[in-house]
Amino acid sequence: MAENPSNFVRDWISANVQSASTDVGAIETRVAEIAERLKAASREAEIPQDDPELAPDLLRDLIHAAIQPRANRNHGGGE
């Protein structure tokens, strides 16, 4: 039986994607490249490619969030 797709996607992103401060165009290019690597890894792990966890928009959002710098996290408050 194949691994749980949701766990696979989140674990793979956690292990393979680091945040970076890059211009928006470069981030979009990087997101697309990472999404292709993730899809290839999911095929190797025998994750059904029609699983909703592998939907392009969802992958893009998850990868994009993982890349975004987290500089503002320590600036709590009510702003």
N, C-alpha and C. Protein backbone atom coordinates (compact mmCIF):
# COMPACT_ATOMS: atom_id res chain seq x y z
N MET A 1 0.84 -1.18 0.00
CA MET A 1 0.00 0.00 0.00
C MET A 1 0.88 1.24 0.00
N ALA A 2 0.51 2.23 -0.78
CA ALA A 2 1.27 3.47 -0.88
C ALA A 2 1.10 4.30 0.40
N GLU A 3 2.07 5.15 0.61
CA GLU A 3 2.04 6.05 1.76
C GLU A 3 0.86 7.01 1.65
N ASN A 4 0.40 7.51 2.80
CA ASN A 4 -0.67 8.50 2.82
C ASN A 4 -0.21 9.73 2.02
N PRO A 5 -0.94 10.13 0.98
CA PRO A 5 -0.51 11.24 0.13
C PRO A 5 -0.29 12.55 0.89
N SER A 6 -1.16 12.87 1.81
CA SER A 6 -1.02 14.11 2.57
C SER A 6 0.28 14.11 3.37
N ASN A 7 0.55 13.01 4.06
CA ASN A 7 1.79 12.91 4.84
C ASN A 7 3.00 12.96 3.93
N PHE A 8 2.93 12.26 2.80
CA PHE A 8 4.05 12.23 1.88
C PHE A 8 4.39 13.65 1.41
N VAL A 9 3.38 14.39 0.96
CA VAL A 9 3.60 15.74 0.44
C VAL A 9 4.21 16.64 1.52
N ARG A 10 3.62 16.65 2.69
CA ARG A 10 4.12 17.53 3.74
C ARG A 10 5.52 17.12 4.22
N ASP A 11 5.75 15.82 4.35
CA ASP A 11 7.08 15.36 4.77
C ASP A 11 8.13 15.70 3.71
N TRP A 12 7.79 15.49 2.44
CA TRP A 12 8.73 15.78 1.36
C TRP A 12 9.08 17.26 1.33
N ILE A 13 8.07 18.12 1.44
CA ILE A 13 8.32 19.56 1.44
C ILE A 13 9.19 19.94 2.63
N SER A 14 8.87 19.40 3.79
CA SER A 14 9.65 19.71 4.99
C SER A 14 11.11 19.31 4.83
N ALA A 15 11.36 18.18 4.20
CA ALA A 15 12.73 17.67 4.04
C ALA A 15 13.49 18.31 2.88
N ASN A 16 12.78 18.84 1.89
CA ASN A 16 13.44 19.26 0.66
C ASN A 16 13.32 20.74 0.30
N VAL A 17 12.56 21.51 1.06
CA VAL A 17 12.34 22.91 0.70
C VAL A 17 12.72 23.80 1.88
N GLN A 18 13.56 24.78 1.60
CA GLN A 18 13.95 25.75 2.62
C GLN A 18 13.48 27.13 2.17
N SER A 19 13.28 28.00 3.16
CA SER A 19 12.86 29.36 2.83
C SER A 19 14.02 30.10 2.19
N ALA A 20 13.69 31.09 1.40
CA ALA A 20 14.71 31.89 0.74
C ALA A 20 14.15 33.27 0.46
N SER A 21 14.99 34.26 0.60
CA SER A 21 14.56 35.61 0.22
C SER A 21 14.99 35.83 -1.22
N THR A 22 14.03 35.81 -2.09
CA THR A 22 14.26 35.91 -3.53
C THR A 22 13.16 36.77 -4.12
N ASP A 23 13.43 37.37 -5.28
CA ASP A 23 12.38 38.17 -5.91
C ASP A 23 11.24 37.28 -6.36
N VAL A 24 10.08 37.87 -6.55
CA VAL A 24 8.86 37.13 -6.83
C VAL A 24 9.00 36.25 -8.07
N GLY A 25 9.59 36.75 -9.12
CA GLY A 25 9.75 35.95 -10.34
C GLY A 25 10.60 34.72 -10.11
N ALA A 26 11.67 34.87 -9.35
CA ALA A 26 12.54 33.74 -9.05
C ALA A 26 11.83 32.73 -8.16
N ILE A 27 11.00 33.21 -7.25
CA ILE A 27 10.25 32.30 -6.38
C ILE A 27 9.30 31.46 -7.22
N GLU A 28 8.60 32.07 -8.14
CA GLU A 28 7.65 31.33 -8.96
C GLU A 28 8.36 30.26 -9.79
N THR A 29 9.53 30.58 -10.32
CA THR A 29 10.32 29.61 -11.08
C THR A 29 10.74 28.47 -10.17
N ARG A 30 11.20 28.81 -8.97
CA ARG A 30 11.64 27.79 -8.01
C ARG A 30 10.47 26.91 -7.59
N VAL A 31 9.30 27.50 -7.36
CA VAL A 31 8.12 26.73 -6.98
C VAL A 31 7.80 25.70 -8.07
N ALA A 32 7.83 26.12 -9.32
CA ALA A 32 7.52 25.21 -10.43
C ALA A 32 8.54 24.07 -10.50
N GLU A 33 9.82 24.37 -10.30
CA GLU A 33 10.85 23.34 -10.34
C GLU A 33 10.67 22.35 -9.18
N ILE A 34 10.39 22.87 -8.00
CA ILE A 34 10.20 22.00 -6.83
C ILE A 34 8.96 21.14 -7.01
N ALA A 35 7.89 21.70 -7.57
CA ALA A 35 6.67 20.94 -7.79
C ALA A 35 6.94 19.75 -8.73
N GLU A 36 7.76 19.96 -9.74
CA GLU A 36 8.10 18.87 -10.66
C GLU A 36 8.88 17.78 -9.93
N ARG A 37 9.84 18.17 -9.08
CA ARG A 37 10.60 17.19 -8.31
C ARG A 37 9.69 16.42 -7.36
N LEU A 38 8.75 17.14 -6.74
CA LEU A 38 7.81 16.50 -5.81
C LEU A 38 6.92 15.50 -6.54
N LYS A 39 6.44 15.88 -7.71
CA LYS A 39 5.60 14.96 -8.49
C LYS A 39 6.38 13.71 -8.88
N ALA A 40 7.63 13.88 -9.27
CA ALA A 40 8.47 12.73 -9.62
C ALA A 40 8.66 11.83 -8.40
N ALA A 41 8.93 12.42 -7.25
CA ALA A 41 9.12 11.63 -6.03
C ALA A 41 7.82 10.91 -5.65
N SER A 42 6.69 11.56 -5.87
CA SER A 42 5.42 10.92 -5.52
C SER A 42 5.13 9.73 -6.44
N ARG A 43 5.54 9.83 -7.69
CA ARG A 43 5.38 8.68 -8.60
C ARG A 43 6.24 7.51 -8.13
N GLU A 44 7.49 7.82 -7.74
CA GLU A 44 8.39 6.77 -7.24
C GLU A 44 7.83 6.12 -5.97
N ALA A 45 7.13 6.92 -5.15
CA ALA A 45 6.55 6.39 -3.91
C ALA A 45 5.19 5.73 -4.15
N GLU A 46 4.81 5.65 -5.42
CA GLU A 46 3.55 5.02 -5.83
C GLU A 46 2.33 5.71 -5.25
N ILE A 47 2.40 7.02 -5.14
CA ILE A 47 1.24 7.82 -4.73
C ILE A 47 0.35 7.98 -5.96
N PRO A 48 -0.95 7.69 -5.86
CA PRO A 48 -1.84 7.88 -7.01
C PRO A 48 -1.77 9.34 -7.49
N GLN A 49 -1.46 9.52 -8.76
CA GLN A 49 -1.25 10.86 -9.29
C GLN A 49 -2.52 11.68 -9.41
N ASP A 50 -3.68 11.04 -9.26
CA ASP A 50 -4.93 11.78 -9.30
C ASP A 50 -5.41 12.17 -7.89
N ASP A 51 -4.58 11.91 -6.87
CA ASP A 51 -4.95 12.26 -5.50
C ASP A 51 -5.05 13.77 -5.36
N PRO A 52 -6.07 14.27 -4.66
CA PRO A 52 -6.24 15.71 -4.48
C PRO A 52 -5.04 16.40 -3.82
N GLU A 53 -4.26 15.67 -3.03
CA GLU A 53 -3.08 16.26 -2.39
C GLU A 53 -2.01 16.66 -3.41
N LEU A 54 -2.10 16.13 -4.62
CA LEU A 54 -1.14 16.45 -5.67
C LEU A 54 -1.70 17.45 -6.68
N ALA A 55 -2.82 18.06 -6.35
CA ALA A 55 -3.40 19.07 -7.24
C ALA A 55 -2.40 20.22 -7.41
N PRO A 56 -2.17 20.66 -8.64
CA PRO A 56 -1.16 21.70 -8.89
C PRO A 56 -1.32 22.95 -8.03
N ASP A 57 -2.54 23.43 -7.85
CA ASP A 57 -2.74 24.64 -7.06
C ASP A 57 -2.37 24.43 -5.59
N LEU A 58 -2.71 23.27 -5.04
CA LEU A 58 -2.38 22.97 -3.66
C LEU A 58 -0.87 22.85 -3.48
N LEU A 59 -0.21 22.12 -4.39
CA LEU A 59 1.24 21.98 -4.32
C LEU A 59 1.90 23.36 -4.40
N ARG A 60 1.44 24.18 -5.32
CA ARG A 60 2.01 25.51 -5.49
C ARG A 60 1.90 26.29 -4.18
N ASP A 61 0.73 26.26 -3.57
CA ASP A 61 0.53 27.02 -2.32
C ASP A 61 1.40 26.48 -1.19
N LEU A 62 1.49 25.17 -1.05
CA LEU A 62 2.30 24.57 0.02
C LEU A 62 3.78 24.88 -0.18
N ILE A 63 4.26 24.74 -1.40
CA ILE A 63 5.67 25.01 -1.68
C ILE A 63 5.97 26.49 -1.52
N HIS A 64 5.08 27.32 -2.03
CA HIS A 64 5.26 28.77 -1.92
C HIS A 64 5.36 29.17 -0.45
N ALA A 65 4.50 28.63 0.38
CA ALA A 65 4.53 28.94 1.82
C ALA A 65 5.84 28.48 2.46
N ALA A 66 6.36 27.34 2.01
CA ALA A 66 7.61 26.84 2.58
C ALA A 66 8.81 27.69 2.17
N ILE A 67 8.74 28.32 1.01
CA ILE A 67 9.84 29.14 0.51
C ILE A 67 9.85 30.53 1.15
N GLN A 68 8.68 31.05 1.43
CA GLN A 68 8.60 32.42 1.93
C GLN A 68 9.41 32.62 3.20
N PRO A 69 10.20 33.68 3.25
CA PRO A 69 10.95 33.99 4.48
C PRO A 69 9.98 34.20 5.63
N ARG A 70 10.40 33.82 6.80
CA ARG A 70 9.53 33.93 7.97
C ARG A 70 9.98 35.07 8.87
N ALA A 71 10.44 36.16 8.29
CA ALA A 71 10.98 37.28 9.04
C ALA A 71 9.94 37.94 9.94
N ASN A 72 8.70 37.94 9.54
CA ASN A 72 7.66 38.65 10.29
C ASN A 72 7.06 37.84 11.43
N ARG A 73 7.44 36.59 11.58
CA ARG A 73 6.86 35.75 12.63
C ARG A 73 7.16 36.26 14.01
N ASN A 74 8.32 36.87 14.22
CA ASN A 74 8.70 37.36 15.54
C ASN A 74 8.19 38.75 15.81
N HIS A 75 7.45 39.31 14.92
CA HIS A 75 6.92 40.66 15.08
C HIS A 75 5.46 40.61 15.50
N GLY A 76 5.15 39.84 16.50
CA GLY A 76 3.77 39.65 16.95
C GLY A 76 3.07 40.97 17.23
N GLY A 77 2.01 40.90 17.94
CA GLY A 77 1.26 42.11 18.23
C GLY A 77 0.01 42.19 17.40
N GLY A 78 -0.70 43.24 17.54
CA GLY A 78 -1.99 43.39 16.87
C GLY A 78 -1.95 44.12 15.57
N GLU A 79 -0.82 44.11 14.89
CA GLU A 79 -0.73 44.86 13.64
C GLU A 79 -1.39 44.16 12.51
